[in-house]
PDB file of N, CA and C in Angstrom:
ATOM      1  N   MET A   1      75.080  58.543 175.360  1.00  0.00           N
ATOM      2  CA  MET A   1      75.384  57.534 174.158  1.00  0.00           C
ATOM      3  C   MET A   1      77.087  57.496 174.564  1.00  0.00           C
ATOM      4  N   TRP A   2      78.172  56.718 174.955  1.00  0.00           N
ATOM      5  CA  TRP A   2      79.223  56.534 174.331  1.00  0.00           C
ATOM      6  C   TRP A   2      79.667  56.602 173.036  1.00  0.00           C
ATOM      7  N   SER A   3      80.864  57.604 172.837  1.00  0.00           N
ATOM      8  CA  SER A   3      80.978  57.405 171.636  1.00  0.00           C
ATOM      9  C   SER A   3      82.475  56.374 171.387  1.00  0.00           C
ATOM     10  N   VAL A   4      82.794  56.084 170.077  1.00  0.00           N
ATOM     11  CA  VAL A   4      83.172  55.346 169.577  1.00  0.00           C
ATOM     12  C   VAL A   4      84.631  55.816 168.507  1.00  0.00           C
ATOM     13  N   THR A   5      85.674  55.238 169.164  1.00  0.00           N
ATOM     14  CA  THR A   5      87.214  55.061 168.258  1.00  0.00           C
ATOM     15  C   THR A   5      87.509  54.221 167.781  1.00  0.00           C
ATOM     16  N   TYR A   6      88.448  53.753 166.785  1.00  0.00           N
ATOM     17  CA  TYR A   6      88.797  52.713 166.299  1.00  0.00           C
ATOM     18  C   TYR A   6      90.806  53.144 166.206  1.00  0.00           C
ATOM     19  N   THR A   7      91.382  52.279 166.309  1.00  0.00           N
ATOM     20  CA  THR A   7      92.863  51.959 166.394  1.00  0.00           C
ATOM     21  C   THR A   7      93.029  51.421 164.641  1.00  0.00           C
ATOM     22  N   ALA A   8      94.051  52.156 163.748  1.00  0.00           N
ATOM     23  CA  ALA A   8      94.556  51.912 162.656  1.00  0.00           C
ATOM     24  C   ALA A   8      94.292  50.814 162.243  1.00  0.00           C
ATOM     25  N   ASP A   9      94.612  49.245 163.812  1.00  0.00           N
ATOM     26  CA  ASP A   9      94.330  48.071 163.037  1.00  0.00           C
ATOM     27  C   ASP A   9      93.265  47.903 163.040  1.00  0.00           C
ATOM     28  N   ALA A  10      92.035  48.204 163.817  1.00  0.00           N
ATOM     29  CA  ALA A  10      90.502  48.091 163.768  1.00  0.00           C
ATOM     30  C   ALA A  10      90.060  48.409 162.413  1.00  0.00           C
ATOM     31  N   VAL A  11      90.605  49.479 162.218  1.00  0.00           N
ATOM     32  CA  VAL A  11      89.757  50.435 160.246  1.00  0.00           C
ATOM     33  C   VAL A  11      90.713  49.951 160.464  1.00  0.00           C
ATOM     34  N   ARG A  12      91.774  49.014 159.548  1.00  0.00           N
ATOM     35  CA  ARG A  12      92.206  48.144 158.237  1.00  0.00           C
ATOM     36  C   ARG A  12      91.220  47.051 158.351  1.00  0.00           C
ATOM     37  N   ALA A  13      91.471  46.597 159.403  1.00  0.00           N
ATOM     38  CA  ALA A  13      90.712  45.058 159.925  1.00  0.00           C
ATOM     39  C   ALA A  13      88.876  45.173 159.173  1.00  0.00           C
ATOM     40  N   LEU A  14      88.323  46.192 159.606  1.00  0.00           N
ATOM     41  CA  LEU A  14      87.266  46.471 158.772  1.00  0.00           C
ATOM     42  C   LEU A  14      87.503  46.427 157.443  1.00  0.00           C
ATOM     43  N   SER A  15      87.514  47.298 157.381  1.00  0.00           N
ATOM     44  CA  SER A  15      87.549  47.818 155.376  1.00  0.00           C
ATOM     45  C   SER A  15      87.863  46.984 154.999  1.00  0.00           C
ATOM     46  N   ALA A  16      89.049  45.740 155.327  1.00  0.00           N
ATOM     47  CA  ALA A  16      89.120  44.359 154.428  1.00  0.00           C
ATOM     48  C   ALA A  16      88.260  43.225 154.425  1.00  0.00           C
ATOM     49  N   MET A  17      87.169  43.248 155.574  1.00  0.00           N
ATOM     50  CA  MET A  17      86.401  42.433 155.585  1.00  0.00           C
ATOM     51  C   MET A  17      84.941  42.477 154.801  1.00  0.00           C
ATOM     52  N   ASP A  18      84.548  41.579 154.151  1.00  0.00           N
ATOM     53  CA  ASP A  18      83.241  40.918 153.365  1.00  0.00           C
ATOM     54  C   ASP A  18      82.424  42.477 153.650  1.00  0.00           C
ATOM     55  N   LYS A  19      81.159  43.328 153.299  1.00  0.00           N
ATOM     56  CA  LYS A  19      81.130  44.330 153.245  1.00  0.00           C
ATOM     57  C   LYS A  19      79.963  44.361 154.173  1.00  0.00           C
ATOM     58  N   VAL A  20      78.880  42.405 154.427  1.00  0.00           N
ATOM     59  CA  VAL A  20      77.546  42.686 154.754  1.00  0.00           C
ATOM     60  C   VAL A  20      78.629  42.053 156.451  1.00  0.00           C
ATOM     61  N   VAL A  21      79.378  41.692 156.569  1.00  0.00           N
ATOM     62  CA  VAL A  21      79.940  41.083 157.995  1.00  0.00           C
ATOM     63  C   VAL A  21      80.344  42.595 158.466  1.00  0.00           C
ATOM     64  N   ALA A  22      81.221  42.921 157.670  1.00  0.00           N
ATOM     65  CA  ALA A  22      81.507  44.375 158.658  1.00  0.00           C
ATOM     66  C   ALA A  22      80.454  45.281 159.021  1.00  0.00           C
ATOM     67  N   ARG A  23      79.146  45.467 158.230  1.00  0.00           N
ATOM     68  CA  ARG A  23      78.450  46.317 158.520  1.00  0.00           C
ATOM     69  C   ARG A  23      77.656  45.692 159.657  1.00  0.00           C
ATOM     70  N   ARG A  24      77.129  45.048 160.230  1.00  0.00           N
ATOM     71  CA  ARG A  24      77.220  43.786 160.710  1.00  0.00           C
ATOM     72  C   ARG A  24      77.927  44.359 162.158  1.00  0.00           C
ATOM     73  N   VAL A  25      79.083  44.122 162.088  1.00  0.00           N
ATOM     74  CA  VAL A  25      80.392  44.008 163.479  1.00  0.00           C
ATOM     75  C   VAL A  25      79.836  45.284 164.259  1.00  0.00           C
ATOM     76  N   ARG A  26      79.721  46.565 162.486  1.00  0.00           N
ATOM     77  CA  ARG A  26      79.859  48.129 163.690  1.00  0.00           C
ATOM     78  C   ARG A  26      78.300  48.393 164.137  1.00  0.00           C
ATOM     79  N   ALA A  27      77.253  47.587 163.175  1.00  0.00           N
ATOM     80  CA  ALA A  27      76.377  48.113 164.404  1.00  0.00           C
ATOM     81  C   ALA A  27      76.489  46.816 165.744  1.00  0.00           C
ATOM     82  N   LYS A  28      76.521  46.423 165.818  1.00  0.00           N
ATOM     83  CA  LYS A  28      76.885  45.568 167.453  1.00  0.00           C
ATOM     84  C   LYS A  28      77.935  47.040 167.987  1.00  0.00           C
ATOM     85  N   ILE A  29      79.006  47.403 167.427  1.00  0.00           N
ATOM     86  CA  ILE A  29      79.651  48.389 168.363  1.00  0.00           C
ATOM     87  C   ILE A  29      78.532  48.796 168.602  1.00  0.00           C
ATOM     88  N   LEU A  30      78.021  49.824 167.223  1.00  0.00           N
ATOM     89  CA  LEU A  30      77.069  51.048 168.005  1.00  0.00           C
ATOM     90  C   LEU A  30      75.918  50.690 169.016  1.00  0.00           C
ATOM     91  N   ALA A  31      75.487  49.386 168.853  1.00  0.00           N
ATOM     92  CA  ALA A  31      74.440  49.266 169.795  1.00  0.00           C
ATOM     93  C   ALA A  31      74.955  48.586 171.381  1.00  0.00           C
ATOM     94  N   LEU A  32      76.614  48.588 171.467  1.00  0.00           N
ATOM     95  CA  LEU A  32      77.583  48.106 172.928  1.00  0.00           C
ATOM     96  C   LEU A  32      77.733  50.037 173.145  1.00  0.00           C
ATOM     97  N   ALA A  33      77.620  50.877 172.281  1.00  0.00           N
ATOM     98  CA  ALA A  33      77.632  51.740 172.694  1.00  0.00           C
ATOM     99  C   ALA A  33      77.137  53.332 173.780  1.00  0.00           C
ATOM    100  N   GLN A  34      75.290  52.210 173.021  1.00  0.00           N
ATOM    101  CA  GLN A  34      74.327  52.528 173.764  1.00  0.00           C
ATOM    102  C   GLN A  34      74.621  52.584 175.386  1.00  0.00           C
ATOM    103  N   ASP A  35      74.710  51.752 175.399  1.00  0.00           N
ATOM    104  CA  ASP A  35      75.188  51.340 177.286  1.00  0.00           C
ATOM    105  C   ASP A  35      75.783  50.566 177.267  1.00  0.00           C
ATOM    106  N   PRO A  36      77.590  50.472 177.611  1.00  0.00           N
ATOM    107  CA  PRO A  36      77.998  49.384 177.784  1.00  0.00           C
ATOM    108  C   PRO A  36      78.051  48.552 178.891  1.00  0.00           C
ATOM    109  N   LYS A  37      77.646  49.131 179.787  1.00  0.00           N
ATOM    110  CA  LYS A  37      77.394  48.467 181.084  1.00  0.00           C
ATOM    111  C   LYS A  37      75.987  47.427 181.122  1.00  0.00           C
ATOM    112  N   ALA A  38      75.095  47.464 179.904  1.00  0.00           N
ATOM    113  CA  ALA A  38      74.003  46.589 180.225  1.00  0.00           C
ATOM    114  C   ALA A  38      74.618  45.538 180.059  1.00  0.00           C
ATOM    115  N   PRO A  39      73.960  44.248 180.523  1.00  0.00           N
ATOM    116  CA  PRO A  39      73.594  43.284 180.041  1.00  0.00           C
ATOM    117  C   PRO A  39      73.702  42.661 179.009  1.00  0.00           C
ATOM    118  N   ASN A  40      75.127  41.980 178.552  1.00  0.00           N
ATOM    119  CA  ASN A  40      74.899  41.239 177.376  1.00  0.00           C
ATOM    120  C   ASN A  40      75.807  40.476 176.874  1.00  0.00           C
ATOM    121  N   ASN A  41      75.294  39.318 176.431  1.00  0.00           N
ATOM    122  CA  ASN A  41      75.874  37.965 177.042  1.00  0.00           C
ATOM    123  C   ASN A  41      77.155  37.670 175.793  1.00  0.00           C
ATOM    124  N   ASN A  42      77.313  38.356 175.365  1.00  0.00           N
ATOM    125  CA  ASN A  42      78.216  38.515 173.754  1.00  0.00           C
ATOM    126  C   ASN A  42      79.943  39.052 174.095  1.00  0.00           C
ATOM    127  N   VAL A  43      79.318  39.650 175.434  1.00  0.00           N
ATOM    128  CA  VAL A  43      80.860  40.491 176.014  1.00  0.00           C
ATOM    129  C   VAL A  43      81.481  39.514 177.350  1.00  0.00           C
ATOM    130  N   LYS A  44      82.385  39.507 177.242  1.00  0.00           N
ATOM    131  CA  LYS A  44      83.458  39.155 178.261  1.00  0.00           C
ATOM    132  C   LYS A  44      84.538  40.327 178.435  1.00  0.00           C
ATOM    133  N   LYS A  45      84.778  40.316 179.972  1.00  0.00           N
ATOM    134  CA  LYS A  45      85.948  40.521 180.346  1.00  0.00           C
ATOM    135  C   LYS A  45      87.275  40.127 180.159  1.00  0.00           C
ATOM    136  N   LEU A  46      88.099  40.440 179.838  1.00  0.00           N
ATOM    137  CA  LEU A  46      89.658  39.315 179.825  1.00  0.00           C
ATOM    138  C   LEU A  46      90.307  39.733 180.789  1.00  0.00           C
ATOM    139  N   THR A  47      90.674  38.343 180.854  1.00  0.00           N
ATOM    140  CA  THR A  47      91.745  38.070 181.919  1.00  0.00           C
ATOM    141  C   THR A  47      93.135  38.231 181.485  1.00  0.00           C
ATOM    142  N   GLY A  48      94.035  38.491 182.174  1.00  0.00           N
ATOM    143  CA  GLY A  48      95.281  39.237 182.029  1.00  0.00           C
ATOM    144  C   GLY A  48      95.740  40.527 181.505  1.00  0.00           C
ATOM    145  N   ILE A  49      94.995  41.174 180.660  1.00  0.00           N
ATOM    146  CA  ILE A  49      94.801  42.571 180.428  1.00  0.00           C
ATOM    147  C   ILE A  49      93.886  43.201 180.420  1.00  0.00           C
ATOM    148  N   GLU A  50      93.248  44.357 180.815  1.00  0.00           N
ATOM    149  CA  GLU A  50      92.928  45.668 180.413  1.00  0.00           C
ATOM    150  C   GLU A  50      92.226  45.517 178.872  1.00  0.00           C
ATOM    151  N   GLY A  51      91.001  44.998 179.545  1.00  0.00           N
ATOM    152  CA  GLY A  51      89.869  45.328 178.148  1.00  0.00           C
ATOM    153  C   GLY A  51      88.145  44.169 178.387  1.00  0.00           C
ATOM    154  N   TYR A  52      87.823  44.290 176.960  1.00  0.00           N
ATOM    155  CA  TYR A  52      86.380  43.487 177.119  1.00  0.00           C
ATOM    156  C   TYR A  52      86.233  42.615 175.952  1.00  0.00           C
ATOM    157  N   ARG A  53      85.936  41.890 175.318  1.00  0.00           N
ATOM    158  CA  ARG A  53      85.500  40.507 173.813  1.00  0.00           C
ATOM    159  C   ARG A  53      84.169  41.059 173.768  1.00  0.00           C
ATOM    160  N   LEU A  54      83.826  41.621 172.480  1.00  0.00           N
ATOM    161  CA  LEU A  54      82.501  41.314 172.146  1.00  0.00           C
ATOM    162  C   LEU A  54      82.313  40.333 171.053  1.00  0.00           C
ATOM    163  N   ARG A  55      81.602  38.977 170.492  1.00  0.00           N
ATOM    164  CA  ARG A  55      81.725  38.401 169.798  1.00  0.00           C
ATOM    165  C   ARG A  55      80.082  38.673 168.849  1.00  0.00           C
ATOM    166  N   VAL A  56      80.649  38.222 167.934  1.00  0.00           N
ATOM    167  CA  VAL A  56      79.262  38.884 166.610  1.00  0.00           C
ATOM    168  C   VAL A  56      79.742  37.786 165.690  1.00  0.00           C
ATOM    169  N   GLY A  57      78.433  36.785 165.902  1.00  0.00           N
ATOM    170  CA  GLY A  57      79.141  35.785 165.349  1.00  0.00           C
ATOM    171  C   GLY A  57      80.050  34.964 165.131  1.00  0.00           C
ATOM    172  N   ASP A  58      81.106  34.575 164.599  1.00  0.00           N
ATOM    173  CA  ASP A  58      82.100  34.052 164.133  1.00  0.00           C
ATOM    174  C   ASP A  58      83.333  35.466 164.001  1.00  0.00           C
ATOM    175  N   TRP A  59      82.816  36.294 164.773  1.00  0.00           N
ATOM    176  CA  TRP A  59      84.678  37.683 163.879  1.00  0.00           C
ATOM    177  C   TRP A  59      83.952  38.426 165.835  1.00  0.00           C
ATOM    178  N   GLY A  60      85.372  38.572 166.408  1.00  0.00           N
ATOM    179  CA  GLY A  60      85.595  39.040 167.872  1.00  0.00           C
ATOM    180  C   GLY A  60      86.098  40.444 167.691  1.00  0.00           C
ATOM    181  N   VAL A  61      85.327  41.091 169.238  1.00  0.00           N
ATOM    182  CA  VAL A  61      86.352  43.078 168.963  1.00  0.00           C
ATOM    183  C   VAL A  61      86.636  42.562 170.433  1.00  0.00           C
ATOM    184  N   ILE A  62      87.797  43.806 170.042  1.00  0.00           N
ATOM    185  CA  ILE A  62      88.732  43.908 171.250  1.00  0.00           C
ATOM    186  C   ILE A  62      87.968  44.919 171.780  1.00  0.00           C
ATOM    187  N   TYR A  63      88.001  45.850 173.094  1.00  0.00           N
ATOM    188  CA  TYR A  63      88.263  47.500 173.295  1.00  0.00           C
ATOM    189  C   TYR A  63      87.870  47.555 174.237  1.00  0.00           C
ATOM    190  N   THR A  64      88.091  48.648 174.852  1.00  0.00           N
ATOM    191  CA  THR A  64      88.167  49.152 176.560  1.00  0.00           C
ATOM    192  C   THR A  64      87.601  50.200 176.493  1.00  0.00           C
ATOM    193  N   LEU A  65      87.149  50.424 177.691  1.00  0.00           N
ATOM    194  CA  LEU A  65      86.157  51.774 178.356  1.00  0.00           C
ATOM    195  C   LEU A  65      87.435  52.297 178.888  1.00  0.00           C
ATOM    196  N   LYS A  66      86.546  53.691 178.180  1.00  0.00           N
ATOM    197  CA  LYS A  66      86.913  54.980 178.740  1.00  0.00           C
ATOM    198  C   LYS A  66      86.643  56.022 179.503  1.00  0.00           C
ATOM    199  N   GLN A  67      86.295  55.616 181.299  1.00  0.00           N
ATOM    200  CA  GLN A  67      85.200  56.148 181.577  1.00  0.00           C
ATOM    201  C   GLN A  67      85.166  57.740 181.674  1.00  0.00           C
ATOM    202  N   GLN A  68      86.475  58.267 182.015  1.00  0.00           N
ATOM    203  CA  GLN A  68      86.366  59.818 182.223  1.00  0.00           C
ATOM    204  C   GLN A  68      86.087  60.130 180.976  1.00  0.00           C
ATOM    205  N   ILE A  69      86.288  59.760 179.544  1.00  0.00           N
ATOM    206  CA  ILE A  69      85.847  60.694 178.170  1.00  0.00           C
ATOM    207  C   ILE A  69      84.527  59.733 177.933  1.00  0.00           C
ATOM    208  N   LEU A  70      83.851  58.580 178.169  1.00  0.00           N
ATOM    209  CA  LEU A  70      82.905  58.442 177.635  1.00  0.00           C
ATOM    210  C   LEU A  70      82.658  57.666 176.481  1.00  0.00           C
ATOM    211  N   THR A  71      84.067  56.680 176.228  1.00  0.00           N
ATOM    212  CA  THR A  71      84.812  56.184 174.882  1.00  0.00           C
ATOM    213  C   THR A  71      84.539  54.998 174.788  1.00  0.00           C
ATOM    214  N   VAL A  72      84.579  54.307 173.895  1.00  0.00           N
ATOM    215  CA  VAL A  72      84.683  53.013 173.586  1.00  0.00           C
ATOM    216  C   VAL A  72      85.405  52.961 172.671  1.00  0.00           C
ATOM    217  N   ILE A  73      86.663  52.047 172.941  1.00  0.00           N
ATOM    218  CA  ILE A  73      88.116  52.695 171.896  1.00  0.00           C
ATOM    219  C   ILE A  73      88.000  51.201 172.168  1.00  0.00           C
ATOM    220  N   VAL A  74      87.728  50.649 170.443  1.00  0.00           N
ATOM    221  CA  VAL A  74      88.066  49.412 169.819  1.00  0.00           C
ATOM    222  C   VAL A  74      89.136  49.290 168.681  1.00  0.00           C
ATOM    223  N   ILE A  75      89.954  48.253 169.749  1.00  0.00           N
ATOM    224  CA  ILE A  75      91.450  48.165 169.733  1.00  0.00           C
ATOM    225  C   ILE A  75      91.980  47.184 168.458  1.00  0.00           C
ATOM    226  N   LYS A  76      90.944  46.220 167.845  1.00  0.00           N
ATOM    227  CA  LYS A  76      91.144  45.210 167.423  1.00  0.00           C
ATOM    228  C   LYS A  76      89.701  44.177 167.152  1.00  0.00           C
ATOM    229  N   VAL A  77      89.984  43.877 165.215  1.00  0.00           N
ATOM    230  CA  VAL A  77      88.622  43.474 165.199  1.00  0.00           C
ATOM    231  C   VAL A  77      89.757  42.294 164.177  1.00  0.00           C
ATOM    232  N   GLY A  78      88.723  40.675 164.081  1.00  0.00           N
ATOM    233  CA  GLY A  78      89.067  40.022 163.273  1.00  0.00           C
ATOM    234  C   GLY A  78      88.298  38.916 163.400  1.00  0.00           C
ATOM    235  N   HIS A  79      88.677  37.793 162.527  1.00  0.00           N
ATOM    236  CA  HIS A  79      88.193  36.077 163.219  1.00  0.00           C
ATOM    237  C   HIS A  79      87.834  35.858 164.394  1.00  0.00           C
ATOM    238  N   ARG A  80      87.612  35.526 165.009  1.00  0.00           N
ATOM    239  CA  ARG A  80      87.636  34.880 166.752  1.00  0.00           C
ATOM    240  C   ARG A  80      88.410  33.987 166.542  1.00  0.00           C
ATOM    241  N   SER A  81      89.236  33.502 165.895  1.00  0.00           N
ATOM    242  CA  SER A  81      90.236  32.163 166.397  1.00  0.00           C
ATOM    243  C   SER A  81      91.502  33.420 166.573  1.00  0.00           C
ATOM    244  N   GLU A  82      91.604  34.328 165.672  1.00  0.00           N
ATOM    245  CA  GLU A  82      92.443  35.114 165.641  1.00  0.00           C
ATOM    246  C   GLU A  82      91.987  36.034 166.539  1.00  0.00           C
ATOM    247  N   VAL A  83      91.171  37.072 167.475  1.00  0.00           N
ATOM    248  CA  VAL A  83      91.627  38.026 168.305  1.00  0.00           C
ATOM    249  C   VAL A  83      90.961  37.252 169.649  1.00  0.00           C
ATOM    250  N   CYS A  84      90.270  36.084 169.831  1.00  0.00           N
ATOM    251  CA  CYS A  84      89.823  35.433 170.822  1.00  0.00           C
ATOM    252  C   CYS A  84      90.601  34.886 171.678  1.00  0.00           C
ATOM    253  N   GLU A  85      91.864  34.546 171.967  1.00  0.00           N
ATOM    254  CA  GLU A  85      93.157  33.707 171.795  1.00  0.00           C
ATOM    255  C   GLU A  85      93.512  33.960 173.682  1.00  0.00           C
TER     256      GLU A  85
END
């Protein structure tokens, strides 16, 4: 299993969300950390910048993978209209 690290912006966004939604987003991130390379229809590689986008309902998570240390770094969390532009 890969470890998960959150940026300060991601932590702030998760703490400001509705508790039920934040719990669901965290659960999807932890499921992703089990095997980030597994096929997942809610994950897309970003174009133009390094990273990936995970969609959880109306919410989006931008993250990168650090292969050397097996870490998923969550960069940004928010409504998909803001995050997935």
